[in-house]
């Protein structure tokens, strides 16, 4: 089913691969990245103020830290930016041909960071839990394009996307290890591929459909509840932000498109699209 909503432009941009929108409540702003452009963007909707910082390498995700600054999922591992812009490695783990991709902060303040190969070779990526002290625990050792990750409101379930599978999966963990994995929903052929996701206050999962020009909302039992068409072919991820966490922000990409839409690479927003939940800052 389709529910008409208003789609607006929050930031007009030409990002090659916009990704990973995250609301930073401490700064009242949205954080997002251009993966291939090696840029960390921030946007404050209250006054329109923007910042753009060039990162040390291709950056798959950037998340707020509890003490200020950002944790970043880079080509060669996990890095930390202090509020003054000083950089240091938390986990330096270079693998030839591999880069960091999407990531999310768990309720316990750890970072769940995904990787993938540049050539998207099957099984060439991982999903790893990074503790605040840099200790790494591999959660899923053989994924292809590690993407959206989010938690149910009670923290008991993890929703996860390995994009080529076309699935949104549900993970159960025990002591930092995945003990069960099952499909929540499968995106049918021709409708695009699941990419980044967010979980709203009702426990429903919003997922961006790469090459599908849409967002979908799935209920906790896997029922397709809502489809929101978008003007761009390659939305990549979504997150609630703004006053009361009511506005849904969507990152987009133009990479690989011969004739990208004029808004491809921009940050879009769906005002009053639902009710989000406050996220967690990285504890390191």
Protein backbone atom coordinates (compact mmCIF):
# COMPACT_ATOMS: atom_id res chain seq x y z
CA UNK A 1 0.00 0.00 0.00
CA UNK A 2 1.13 3.55 -0.57
CA UNK A 3 0.55 6.51 1.69
CA UNK A 4 1.13 9.92 0.08
CA UNK A 5 3.75 11.93 1.93
CA UNK A 6 5.62 15.12 1.18
CA UNK A 7 9.22 14.75 0.05
CA UNK A 8 11.42 17.83 0.43
CA UNK A 9 15.07 18.67 -0.09
CA UNK A 10 16.96 19.20 3.17
CA UNK A 11 20.39 19.66 1.57
CA UNK A 12 20.92 19.95 -2.16
CA UNK A 13 24.16 18.10 -2.82
CA UNK A 14 25.89 15.94 -5.43
CA UNK A 15 27.27 13.25 -3.15
CA UNK A 16 28.55 10.24 -5.04
CA UNK A 17 27.30 7.83 -2.40
CA UNK A 18 25.39 9.56 0.39
CA UNK A 19 24.91 7.19 3.32
CA UNK A 20 24.32 6.67 7.01
CA UNK A 21 22.06 9.50 8.25
CA UNK A 22 22.15 9.73 12.05
CA UNK A 23 20.53 12.27 14.35
CA UNK A 24 22.89 13.75 16.94
CA UNK A 25 20.63 14.97 19.77
CA UNK A 26 23.48 16.66 21.64
CA UNK A 27 24.08 18.99 18.70
CA UNK A 28 20.54 19.02 17.22
CA UNK A 29 21.87 18.09 13.82
CA UNK A 30 22.00 15.27 11.31
CA UNK A 31 25.27 13.51 10.52
CA UNK A 32 25.75 11.73 7.19
CA UNK A 33 28.57 10.75 4.84
CA UNK A 34 29.53 10.63 1.20
CA UNK A 35 31.31 7.27 1.15
CA UNK A 36 33.27 7.65 -2.09
CA UNK A 37 33.71 11.38 -1.69
CA UNK A 38 35.39 10.82 1.71
CA UNK A 39 33.27 13.50 3.35
CA UNK A 40 31.49 13.77 6.67
CA UNK A 41 28.49 16.13 6.48
CA UNK A 42 26.41 17.70 9.24
CA UNK A 43 23.16 19.62 8.87
CA UNK A 44 21.23 21.53 11.54
CA UNK A 45 17.61 21.92 10.38
CA UNK A 46 16.84 24.65 12.94
CA UNK A 47 19.06 27.20 11.18
CA UNK A 48 20.26 25.40 8.06
CA UNK A 49 23.89 25.41 9.21
CA UNK A 50 26.10 22.85 7.46
CA UNK A 51 29.61 21.57 7.88
CA UNK A 52 31.64 19.34 5.55
CA UNK A 53 34.85 17.61 6.64
CA UNK A 54 37.19 15.60 4.42
CA UNK A 55 37.92 12.23 6.03
CA UNK A 56 41.19 10.33 5.98
CA UNK A 57 39.82 7.63 3.65
CA UNK A 58 36.57 6.43 2.09
CA UNK A 59 34.09 6.56 4.95
CA UNK A 60 31.21 4.08 5.24
CA UNK A 61 29.62 5.62 8.32
CA UNK A 62 30.08 8.30 10.98
CA UNK A 63 28.35 8.22 14.36
CA UNK A 64 28.39 10.62 17.32
CA UNK A 65 30.61 9.82 20.30
CA UNK A 66 29.43 10.28 23.87
CA UNK A 67 32.15 12.83 24.59
CA UNK A 68 31.81 14.68 21.31
CA UNK A 69 33.33 14.08 17.91
CA UNK A 70 32.65 11.05 15.73
CA UNK A 71 33.55 7.41 15.31
CA UNK A 72 34.06 6.54 11.63
CA UNK A 73 34.06 3.28 9.67
CA UNK A 74 36.87 3.86 7.18
CA UNK A 75 38.53 1.83 4.45
CA UNK A 76 41.19 0.44 6.78
CA UNK A 77 39.33 0.21 10.07
CA UNK A 78 37.65 2.24 12.79
CA UNK A 79 38.83 5.77 13.53
CA UNK A 80 37.99 8.46 16.05
CA UNK A 81 37.65 12.18 15.43
CA UNK A 82 37.80 14.39 18.51
CA UNK A 83 35.67 17.57 18.63
CA UNK A 84 38.69 19.61 17.48
CA UNK A 85 39.14 17.40 14.43
CA UNK A 86 42.11 15.41 15.74
CA UNK A 87 42.13 11.88 14.29
CA UNK A 88 43.41 8.58 15.64
CA UNK A 89 42.84 4.93 14.88
CA UNK A 90 40.81 2.85 17.30
CA UNK A 91 41.15 -0.31 15.22
CA UNK A 92 43.50 -0.37 12.24
CA UNK A 93 42.70 -3.49 10.21
CA UNK A 94 43.47 -2.94 6.50
CA UNK A 95 42.47 -5.68 4.05
CA UNK A 96 43.38 -5.19 0.40
CA UNK A 97 40.29 -4.50 -1.71
CA UNK A 98 37.95 -4.07 1.27
CA UNK A 99 36.35 -1.01 2.87
CA UNK A 100 34.05 -0.08 5.69
CA UNK A 101 30.37 0.31 4.88
CA UNK A 102 27.31 1.00 7.03
CA UNK A 103 27.51 0.91 10.83
CA UNK A 104 25.30 1.48 13.87
CA UNK A 105 25.72 2.05 17.58
CA UNK A 106 24.18 -0.59 19.84
CA UNK A 107 22.30 0.16 23.07
CA UNK A 108 25.45 -0.79 25.03
CA UNK A 109 27.50 1.90 23.26
CA UNK A 110 29.47 -0.47 21.03
CA UNK A 111 29.75 -0.01 17.26
CA UNK A 112 28.47 -2.66 14.87
CA UNK A 113 30.50 -2.01 11.74
CA UNK A 114 30.09 -3.65 8.36
CA UNK A 115 32.60 -4.15 5.58
CA UNK A 116 32.47 -5.12 1.91
CA UNK A 117 34.85 -5.62 -0.97
CA UNK A 118 35.02 -2.89 -3.59
CA UNK A 119 34.24 -5.52 -6.24
CA UNK A 120 31.34 -6.84 -4.08
CA UNK A 121 32.75 -10.37 -4.17
CA UNK A 122 30.37 -12.77 -2.37
CA UNK A 123 31.33 -13.41 1.24
CA UNK A 124 34.10 -10.81 1.18
CA UNK A 125 32.68 -8.66 3.97
CA UNK A 126 31.98 -8.93 7.67
CA UNK A 127 29.85 -7.56 10.47
CA UNK A 128 31.97 -6.82 13.55
CA UNK A 129 31.25 -5.48 17.03
CA UNK A 130 33.76 -2.87 18.15
CA UNK A 131 33.90 -2.22 21.89
CA UNK A 132 34.79 1.26 23.15
CA UNK A 133 38.34 0.06 23.90
CA UNK A 134 38.78 -1.19 20.31
CA UNK A 135 38.24 -4.89 21.01
CA UNK A 136 36.71 -6.48 17.90
CA UNK A 137 34.35 -9.47 17.81
CA UNK A 138 33.29 -10.84 14.45
CA UNK A 139 29.52 -11.35 14.47
CA UNK A 140 28.99 -12.44 10.86
CA UNK A 141 32.16 -13.55 9.02
CA UNK A 142 30.99 -13.95 5.42
CA UNK A 143 28.62 -11.29 4.16
CA UNK A 144 28.74 -9.51 0.82
CA UNK A 145 27.49 -5.93 1.22
CA UNK A 146 26.97 -5.34 4.93
CA UNK A 147 24.34 -2.64 5.25
CA UNK A 148 21.47 -1.48 7.50
CA UNK A 149 21.57 -2.41 11.18
CA UNK A 150 19.10 -1.41 13.89
CA UNK A 151 17.62 -2.55 17.21
CA UNK A 152 14.07 -3.23 18.32
CA UNK A 153 12.77 -0.77 20.95
CA UNK A 154 13.49 -3.23 23.78
CA UNK A 155 16.96 -3.96 22.42
CA UNK A 156 16.28 -7.68 22.16
CA UNK A 157 16.34 -8.00 18.38
CA UNK A 158 18.71 -6.72 15.72
CA UNK A 159 17.52 -6.01 12.19
CA UNK A 160 20.19 -6.46 9.55
CA UNK A 161 20.65 -6.26 5.77
CA UNK A 162 23.21 -7.99 3.56
CA UNK A 163 22.01 -6.27 0.41
CA UNK A 164 22.40 -8.99 -2.29
CA UNK A 165 20.27 -11.40 -0.26
CA UNK A 166 17.29 -9.04 -0.80
CA UNK A 167 16.33 -9.71 2.82
CA UNK A 168 15.87 -7.82 6.03
CA UNK A 169 16.96 -10.34 8.66
CA UNK A 170 16.35 -10.60 12.39
CA UNK A 171 19.31 -11.50 14.58
CA UNK A 172 19.35 -12.70 18.16
CA UNK A 173 22.54 -12.36 20.13
CA UNK A 174 23.94 -13.88 23.29
CA UNK A 175 27.03 -12.47 24.94
CA UNK A 176 28.05 -10.56 21.82
CA UNK A 177 27.56 -13.50 19.45
CA UNK A 178 24.81 -14.11 16.90
CA UNK A 179 22.89 -17.23 17.94
CA UNK A 180 19.96 -17.02 15.54
CA UNK A 181 19.28 -15.41 12.16
CA UNK A 182 16.00 -15.52 10.28
CA UNK A 183 14.36 -13.50 7.50
CA UNK A 184 11.90 -10.78 8.46
CA UNK A 185 11.04 -9.73 4.91
CA UNK A 186 12.25 -10.29 1.36
CA UNK A 187 12.22 -7.59 -1.32
CA UNK A 188 10.93 -9.09 -4.53
CA UNK A 189 12.91 -8.96 -7.79
CA UNK A 190 12.33 -5.72 -9.67
CA UNK A 191 11.58 -3.67 -6.54
CA UNK A 192 15.19 -2.78 -5.77
CA UNK A 193 17.60 -3.97 -3.09
CA UNK A 194 17.36 -3.32 0.66
CA UNK A 195 20.03 -0.91 1.89
CA UNK A 196 20.11 1.19 5.07
CA UNK A 197 17.35 1.01 7.69
CA UNK A 198 15.97 2.56 10.85
CA UNK A 199 13.54 1.29 13.51
CA UNK A 200 10.75 3.61 14.64
CA UNK A 201 9.00 3.96 18.00
CA UNK A 202 6.41 1.34 17.00
CA UNK A 203 9.16 -1.19 16.35
CA UNK A 204 8.58 -1.02 12.60
CA UNK A 205 11.53 -1.19 10.21
CA UNK A 206 11.98 1.46 7.53
CA UNK A 207 14.35 0.39 4.75
CA UNK A 208 15.66 2.27 1.71
CA UNK A 209 15.45 0.44 -1.61
CA UNK A 210 18.54 0.92 -3.77
CA UNK A 211 17.45 0.96 -7.43
CA UNK A 212 13.88 0.87 -6.11
CA UNK A 213 13.20 4.63 -5.77
CA UNK A 214 11.29 4.05 -2.54
CA UNK A 215 11.25 3.49 1.20
CA UNK A 216 9.37 0.61 2.77
CA UNK A 217 8.08 0.17 6.31
CA UNK A 218 7.72 -3.36 7.66
CA UNK A 219 5.91 -4.27 10.88
CA UNK A 220 7.70 -6.42 13.50
CA UNK A 221 5.96 -9.51 12.09
CA UNK A 222 7.32 -8.80 8.59
CA UNK A 223 4.19 -7.36 7.00
CA UNK A 224 4.70 -4.61 4.41
CA UNK A 225 2.89 -1.69 6.00
CA UNK A 226 3.83 1.29 3.83
CA UNK A 227 5.65 2.22 0.63
CA UNK A 228 6.87 5.76 0.04
CA UNK A 229 7.93 6.56 -3.55
CA UNK A 230 10.92 8.85 -3.95
CA UNK A 231 12.08 10.94 -6.92
CA UNK A 232 15.56 9.39 -6.96
CA UNK A 233 16.47 5.90 -8.10
CA UNK A 234 19.04 5.16 -5.41
CA UNK A 235 18.00 6.05 -1.87
CA UNK A 236 20.53 4.51 0.48
CA UNK A 237 19.42 4.92 4.11
CA UNK A 238 17.01 6.74 6.40
CA UNK A 239 16.84 8.09 9.94
CA UNK A 240 14.42 10.10 12.05
CA UNK A 241 15.50 13.51 13.31
CA UNK A 242 14.42 17.09 13.85
CA UNK A 243 11.97 18.34 16.51
CA UNK A 244 10.46 15.41 18.35
CA UNK A 245 12.19 12.96 15.97
CA UNK A 246 9.24 13.22 13.59
CA UNK A 247 11.03 13.94 10.30
CA UNK A 248 12.51 11.13 8.24
CA UNK A 249 15.79 11.98 6.51
CA UNK A 250 16.95 10.02 3.46
CA UNK A 251 20.43 9.88 1.95
CA UNK A 252 20.79 9.23 -1.79
CA UNK A 253 23.42 8.29 -4.36
CA UNK A 254 24.33 9.14 -7.94
CA UNK A 255 27.23 6.74 -8.40
CA UNK A 256 26.85 4.38 -11.37
CA UNK A 257 23.97 6.29 -12.94
CA UNK A 258 24.35 7.54 -16.52
CA UNK A 259 21.59 10.10 -16.09
CA UNK A 260 21.09 10.75 -12.38
CA UNK A 261 18.06 12.68 -11.23
CA UNK A 262 18.95 16.29 -10.30
CA UNK A 263 18.35 15.39 -6.64
CA UNK A 264 20.50 12.25 -6.68
CA UNK A 265 23.19 12.73 -4.05
CA UNK A 266 21.07 15.15 -2.01
CA UNK A 267 19.72 14.74 1.50
CA UNK A 268 15.93 14.46 1.39
CA UNK A 269 13.42 14.78 4.22
CA UNK A 270 9.88 13.52 4.74
CA UNK A 271 8.34 15.92 7.28
CA UNK A 272 6.22 14.34 10.02
CA UNK A 273 6.60 10.88 8.54
CA UNK A 274 6.34 9.03 11.84
CA UNK A 275 7.88 8.78 15.28
CA UNK A 276 11.54 7.95 15.68
CA UNK A 277 13.53 6.93 18.74
CA UNK A 278 16.61 8.56 20.22
CA UNK A 279 19.71 6.64 19.24
CA UNK A 280 22.87 5.87 21.15
CA UNK A 281 26.28 7.51 21.06
CA UNK A 282 29.46 5.48 20.76
CA UNK A 283 30.93 5.09 24.24
CA UNK A 284 34.54 5.36 23.13
